[in-house]
PDB file of N, CA and C in Angstrom:
ATOM      1  N   MET A   1      38.709  13.602 -15.674  1.00  0.00           N
ATOM      2  CA  MET A   1      39.903  14.110 -16.291  1.00  0.00           C
ATOM      3  C   MET A   1      39.526  15.240 -17.234  1.00  0.00           C
ATOM      4  N   PHE A   2      40.387  16.237 -17.305  1.00  0.00           N
ATOM      5  CA  PHE A   2      40.108  17.345 -18.207  1.00  0.00           C
ATOM      6  C   PHE A   2      41.401  17.997 -18.673  1.00  0.00           C
ATOM      7  N   LEU A   3      41.292  18.777 -19.726  1.00  0.00           N
ATOM      8  CA  LEU A   3      42.403  19.594 -20.205  1.00  0.00           C
ATOM      9  C   LEU A   3      42.097  21.041 -19.838  1.00  0.00           C
ATOM     10  N   PRO A   4      43.119  21.831 -19.569  1.00  0.00           N
ATOM     11  CA  PRO A   4      42.877  23.237 -19.245  1.00  0.00           C
ATOM     12  C   PRO A   4      42.251  23.975 -20.424  1.00  0.00           C
ATOM     13  N   ASN A   5      41.370  24.907 -20.134  1.00  0.00           N
ATOM     14  CA  ASN A   5      40.708  25.668 -21.193  1.00  0.00           C
ATOM     15  C   ASN A   5      41.676  26.477 -22.032  1.00  0.00           C
ATOM     16  N   ASP A   6      42.797  26.873 -21.462  1.00  0.00           N
ATOM     17  CA  ASP A   6      43.724  27.721 -22.205  1.00  0.00           C
ATOM     18  C   ASP A   6      44.898  26.952 -22.821  1.00  0.00           C
ATOM     19  N   ILE A   7      44.765  25.648 -22.990  1.00  0.00           N
ATOM     20  CA  ILE A   7      45.842  24.855 -23.588  1.00  0.00           C
ATOM     21  C   ILE A   7      46.127  25.316 -25.021  1.00  0.00           C
ATOM     22  N   HIS A   8      45.133  25.870 -25.688  1.00  0.00           N
ATOM     23  CA  HIS A   8      45.348  26.332 -27.066  1.00  0.00           C
ATOM     24  C   HIS A   8      46.317  27.517 -27.134  1.00  0.00           C
ATOM     25  N   HIS A   9      46.591  28.160 -25.997  1.00  0.00           N
ATOM     26  CA  HIS A   9      47.563  29.252 -25.952  1.00  0.00           C
ATOM     27  C   HIS A   9      49.003  28.749 -25.919  1.00  0.00           C
ATOM     28  N   LEU A  10      49.201  27.459 -25.712  1.00  0.00           N
ATOM     29  CA  LEU A  10      50.543  26.882 -25.674  1.00  0.00           C
ATOM     30  C   LEU A  10      50.990  26.593 -27.114  1.00  0.00           C
ATOM     31  N   THR A  11      51.273  27.638 -27.842  1.00  0.00           N
ATOM     32  CA  THR A  11      51.569  27.512 -29.267  1.00  0.00           C
ATOM     33  C   THR A  11      52.883  26.795 -29.557  1.00  0.00           C
ATOM     34  N   ALA A  12      53.789  26.735 -28.605  1.00  0.00           N
ATOM     35  CA  ALA A  12      55.056  26.040 -28.806  1.00  0.00           C
ATOM     36  C   ALA A  12      54.946  24.540 -28.508  1.00  0.00           C
ATOM     37  N   LEU A  13      53.811  24.118 -27.983  1.00  0.00           N
ATOM     38  CA  LEU A  13      53.614  22.700 -27.685  1.00  0.00           C
ATOM     39  C   LEU A  13      53.530  21.935 -29.002  1.00  0.00           C
ATOM     40  N   GLY A  14      54.464  21.032 -29.229  1.00  0.00           N
ATOM     41  CA  GLY A  14      54.518  20.323 -30.501  1.00  0.00           C
ATOM     42  C   GLY A  14      54.200  18.848 -30.408  1.00  0.00           C
ATOM     43  N   TYR A  15      54.042  18.309 -29.195  1.00  0.00           N
ATOM     44  CA  TYR A  15      53.846  16.873 -29.018  1.00  0.00           C
ATOM     45  C   TYR A  15      52.920  16.641 -27.828  1.00  0.00           C
ATOM     46  N   LEU A  16      51.899  15.833 -28.035  1.00  0.00           N
ATOM     47  CA  LEU A  16      50.986  15.474 -26.953  1.00  0.00           C
ATOM     48  C   LEU A  16      50.688  13.995 -27.047  1.00  0.00           C
ATOM     49  N   ARG A  17      50.852  13.285 -25.944  1.00  0.00           N
ATOM     50  CA  ARG A  17      50.551  11.851 -25.884  1.00  0.00           C
ATOM     51  C   ARG A  17      49.555  11.649 -24.754  1.00  0.00           C
ATOM     52  N   ILE A  18      48.470  10.949 -25.083  1.00  0.00           N
ATOM     53  CA  ILE A  18      47.436  10.648 -24.099  1.00  0.00           C
ATOM     54  C   ILE A  18      47.258   9.141 -24.074  1.00  0.00           C
ATOM     55  N   GLU A  19      47.455   8.559 -22.904  1.00  0.00           N
ATOM     56  CA  GLU A  19      47.276   7.115 -22.771  1.00  0.00           C
ATOM     57  C   GLU A  19      46.908   6.785 -21.326  1.00  0.00           C
ATOM     58  N   GLY A  20      46.244   5.672 -21.153  1.00  0.00           N
ATOM     59  CA  GLY A  20      45.910   5.210 -19.817  1.00  0.00           C
ATOM     60  C   GLY A  20      44.718   5.909 -19.194  1.00  0.00           C
ATOM     61  N   CYS A  21      44.004   6.691 -19.966  1.00  0.00           N
ATOM     62  CA  CYS A  21      42.824   7.391 -19.451  1.00  0.00           C
ATOM     63  C   CYS A  21      41.742   7.365 -20.533  1.00  0.00           C
ATOM     64  N   PRO A  22      40.917   6.336 -20.538  1.00  0.00           N
ATOM     65  CA  PRO A  22      39.905   6.189 -21.588  1.00  0.00           C
ATOM     66  C   PRO A  22      38.989   7.407 -21.754  1.00  0.00           C
ATOM     67  N   GLU A  23      38.612   8.032 -20.663  1.00  0.00           N
ATOM     68  CA  GLU A  23      37.725   9.199 -20.754  1.00  0.00           C
ATOM     69  C   GLU A  23      38.391  10.340 -21.519  1.00  0.00           C
ATOM     70  N   LEU A  24      39.637  10.638 -21.178  1.00  0.00           N
ATOM     71  CA  LEU A  24      40.365  11.706 -21.854  1.00  0.00           C
ATOM     72  C   LEU A  24      40.649  11.327 -23.310  1.00  0.00           C
ATOM     73  N   CYS A  25      40.966  10.070 -23.564  1.00  0.00           N
ATOM     74  CA  CYS A  25      41.182   9.611 -24.938  1.00  0.00           C
ATOM     75  C   CYS A  25      39.934   9.830 -25.788  1.00  0.00           C
ATOM     76  N   ARG A  26      38.784   9.522 -25.256  1.00  0.00           N
ATOM     77  CA  ARG A  26      37.525   9.733 -25.985  1.00  0.00           C
ATOM     78  C   ARG A  26      37.295  11.214 -26.266  1.00  0.00           C
ATOM     79  N   LYS A  27      37.539  12.046 -25.280  1.00  0.00           N
ATOM     80  CA  LYS A  27      37.287  13.477 -25.429  1.00  0.00           C
ATOM     81  C   LYS A  27      38.254  14.156 -26.390  1.00  0.00           C
ATOM     82  N   CYS A  28      39.376  13.510 -26.697  1.00  0.00           N
ATOM     83  CA  CYS A  28      40.387  14.102 -27.577  1.00  0.00           C
ATOM     84  C   CYS A  28      40.391  13.485 -28.975  1.00  0.00           C
ATOM     85  N   GLN A  29      39.413  12.671 -29.302  1.00  0.00           N
ATOM     86  CA  GLN A  29      39.365  12.044 -30.618  1.00  0.00           C
ATOM     87  C   GLN A  29      39.275  13.102 -31.721  1.00  0.00           C
ATOM     88  N   PRO A  30      40.069  12.931 -32.797  1.00  0.00           N
ATOM     89  CA  PRO A  30      40.073  13.903 -33.888  1.00  0.00           C
ATOM     90  C   PRO A  30      38.683  14.159 -34.473  1.00  0.00           C
ATOM     91  N   GLN A  31      38.406  15.410 -34.704  1.00  0.00           N
ATOM     92  CA  GLN A  31      37.186  15.935 -35.310  1.00  0.00           C
ATOM     93  C   GLN A  31      35.904  15.753 -34.497  1.00  0.00           C
ATOM     94  N   VAL A  32      35.843  14.781 -33.608  1.00  0.00           N
ATOM     95  CA  VAL A  32      34.591  14.520 -32.902  1.00  0.00           C
ATOM     96  C   VAL A  32      34.671  14.702 -31.391  1.00  0.00           C
ATOM     97  N   GLY A  33      35.860  14.699 -30.850  1.00  0.00           N
ATOM     98  CA  GLY A  33      36.023  14.789 -29.404  1.00  0.00           C
ATOM     99  C   GLY A  33      35.740  16.181 -28.862  1.00  0.00           C
ATOM    100  N   GLU A  34      35.210  16.221 -27.688  1.00  0.00           N
ATOM    101  CA  GLU A  34      34.899  17.483 -27.009  1.00  0.00           C
ATOM    102  C   GLU A  34      36.120  18.394 -26.885  1.00  0.00           C
ATOM    103  N   TYR A  35      37.292  17.802 -26.669  1.00  0.00           N
ATOM    104  CA  TYR A  35      38.518  18.587 -26.479  1.00  0.00           C
ATOM    105  C   TYR A  35      39.324  18.798 -27.758  1.00  0.00           C
ATOM    106  N   TRP A  36      38.905  18.200 -28.858  1.00  0.00           N
ATOM    107  CA  TRP A  36      39.662  18.334 -30.092  1.00  0.00           C
ATOM    108  C   TRP A  36      39.934  19.804 -30.466  1.00  0.00           C
ATOM    109  N   PRO A  37      38.967  20.704 -30.358  1.00  0.00           N
ATOM    110  CA  PRO A  37      39.249  22.110 -30.682  1.00  0.00           C
ATOM    111  C   PRO A  37      40.358  22.727 -29.821  1.00  0.00           C
ATOM    112  N   LYS A  38      40.608  22.170 -28.663  1.00  0.00           N
ATOM    113  CA  LYS A  38      41.657  22.689 -27.778  1.00  0.00           C
ATOM    114  C   LYS A  38      43.048  22.203 -28.173  1.00  0.00           C
ATOM    115  N   ILE A  39      43.132  21.078 -28.879  1.00  0.00           N
ATOM    116  CA  ILE A  39      44.443  20.471 -29.130  1.00  0.00           C
ATOM    117  C   ILE A  39      44.805  20.327 -30.602  1.00  0.00           C
ATOM    118  N   PHE A  40      43.899  20.626 -31.509  1.00  0.00           N
ATOM    119  CA  PHE A  40      44.165  20.337 -32.919  1.00  0.00           C
ATOM    120  C   PHE A  40      45.368  21.090 -33.478  1.00  0.00           C
ATOM    121  N   HIS A  41      45.780  22.166 -32.821  1.00  0.00           N
ATOM    122  CA  HIS A  41      46.928  22.949 -33.285  1.00  0.00           C
ATOM    123  C   HIS A  41      48.271  22.270 -33.017  1.00  0.00           C
ATOM    124  N   ILE A  42      48.281  21.236 -32.200  1.00  0.00           N
ATOM    125  CA  ILE A  42      49.521  20.541 -31.834  1.00  0.00           C
ATOM    126  C   ILE A  42      49.952  19.647 -33.003  1.00  0.00           C
ATOM    127  N   ASN A  43      51.221  19.763 -33.404  1.00  0.00           N
ATOM    128  CA  ASN A  43      51.709  19.043 -34.586  1.00  0.00           C
ATOM    129  C   ASN A  43      51.624  17.528 -34.456  1.00  0.00           C
ATOM    130  N   GLN A  44      52.051  16.981 -33.337  1.00  0.00           N
ATOM    131  CA  GLN A  44      52.060  15.533 -33.157  1.00  0.00           C
ATOM    132  C   GLN A  44      51.177  15.168 -31.968  1.00  0.00           C
ATOM    133  N   ILE A  45      50.088  14.496 -32.263  1.00  0.00           N
ATOM    134  CA  ILE A  45      49.162  14.058 -31.217  1.00  0.00           C
ATOM    135  C   ILE A  45      49.032  12.541 -31.319  1.00  0.00           C
ATOM    136  N   PHE A  46      49.310  11.881 -30.220  1.00  0.00           N
ATOM    137  CA  PHE A  46      49.180  10.428 -30.148  1.00  0.00           C
ATOM    138  C   PHE A  46      48.169  10.098 -29.054  1.00  0.00           C
ATOM    139  N   ILE A  47      47.104   9.424 -29.447  1.00  0.00           N
ATOM    140  CA  ILE A  47      46.042   9.072 -28.510  1.00  0.00           C
ATOM    141  C   ILE A  47      45.924   7.555 -28.475  1.00  0.00           C
ATOM    142  N   ASP A  48      46.099   6.986 -27.295  1.00  0.00           N
ATOM    143  CA  ASP A  48      45.938   5.549 -27.103  1.00  0.00           C
ATOM    144  C   ASP A  48      44.440   5.281 -27.112  1.00  0.00           C
ATOM    145  N   GLU A  49      43.970   4.742 -28.212  1.00  0.00           N
ATOM    146  CA  GLU A  49      42.536   4.554 -28.401  1.00  0.00           C
ATOM    147  C   GLU A  49      41.967   3.557 -27.391  1.00  0.00           C
ATOM    148  N   PRO A  50      40.929   3.965 -26.651  1.00  0.00           N
ATOM    149  CA  PRO A  50      40.298   3.055 -25.689  1.00  0.00           C
ATOM    150  C   PRO A  50      39.727   1.824 -26.384  1.00  0.00           C
ATOM    151  N   GLU A  51      39.740   0.700 -25.689  1.00  0.00           N
ATOM    152  CA  GLU A  51      39.264  -0.571 -26.249  1.00  0.00           C
ATOM    153  C   GLU A  51      37.859  -0.473 -26.833  1.00  0.00           C
ATOM    154  N   ASP A  52      36.965   0.280 -26.171  1.00  0.00           N
ATOM    155  CA  ASP A  52      35.588   0.334 -26.643  1.00  0.00           C
ATOM    156  C   ASP A  52      35.429   1.179 -27.905  1.00  0.00           C
ATOM    157  N   LEU A  53      36.479   1.896 -28.326  1.00  0.00           N
ATOM    158  CA  LEU A  53      36.421   2.661 -29.561  1.00  0.00           C
ATOM    159  C   LEU A  53      37.119   1.960 -30.719  1.00  0.00           C
ATOM    160  N   LYS A  54      37.887   0.925 -30.419  1.00  0.00           N
ATOM    161  CA  LYS A  54      38.608   0.205 -31.468  1.00  0.00           C
ATOM    162  C   LYS A  54      37.637  -0.627 -32.288  1.00  0.00           C
ATOM    163  N   GLN A  55      37.896  -0.642 -33.600  1.00  0.00           N
ATOM    164  CA  GLN A  55      37.058  -1.434 -34.495  1.00  0.00           C
ATOM    165  C   GLN A  55      37.900  -2.523 -35.126  1.00  0.00           C
ATOM    166  N   ASP A  56      37.341  -3.724 -35.250  1.00  0.00           N
ATOM    167  CA  ASP A  56      38.068  -4.841 -35.872  1.00  0.00           C
ATOM    168  C   ASP A  56      37.954  -4.769 -37.368  1.00  0.00           C
TER     169      ASP A  56
END
């Protein structure tokens, strides 16, 4: 799974929800994910955290 390289050009995109894809969820984690620089400009980002990243 991947995000397009030019997603940062979608300046009107105000909401992004990622769920059901653990690989993409990991890559989009705030500040540390590989794809975070591509999506951080989006006002509302909701990422369904994969089970292996959840902490008790």
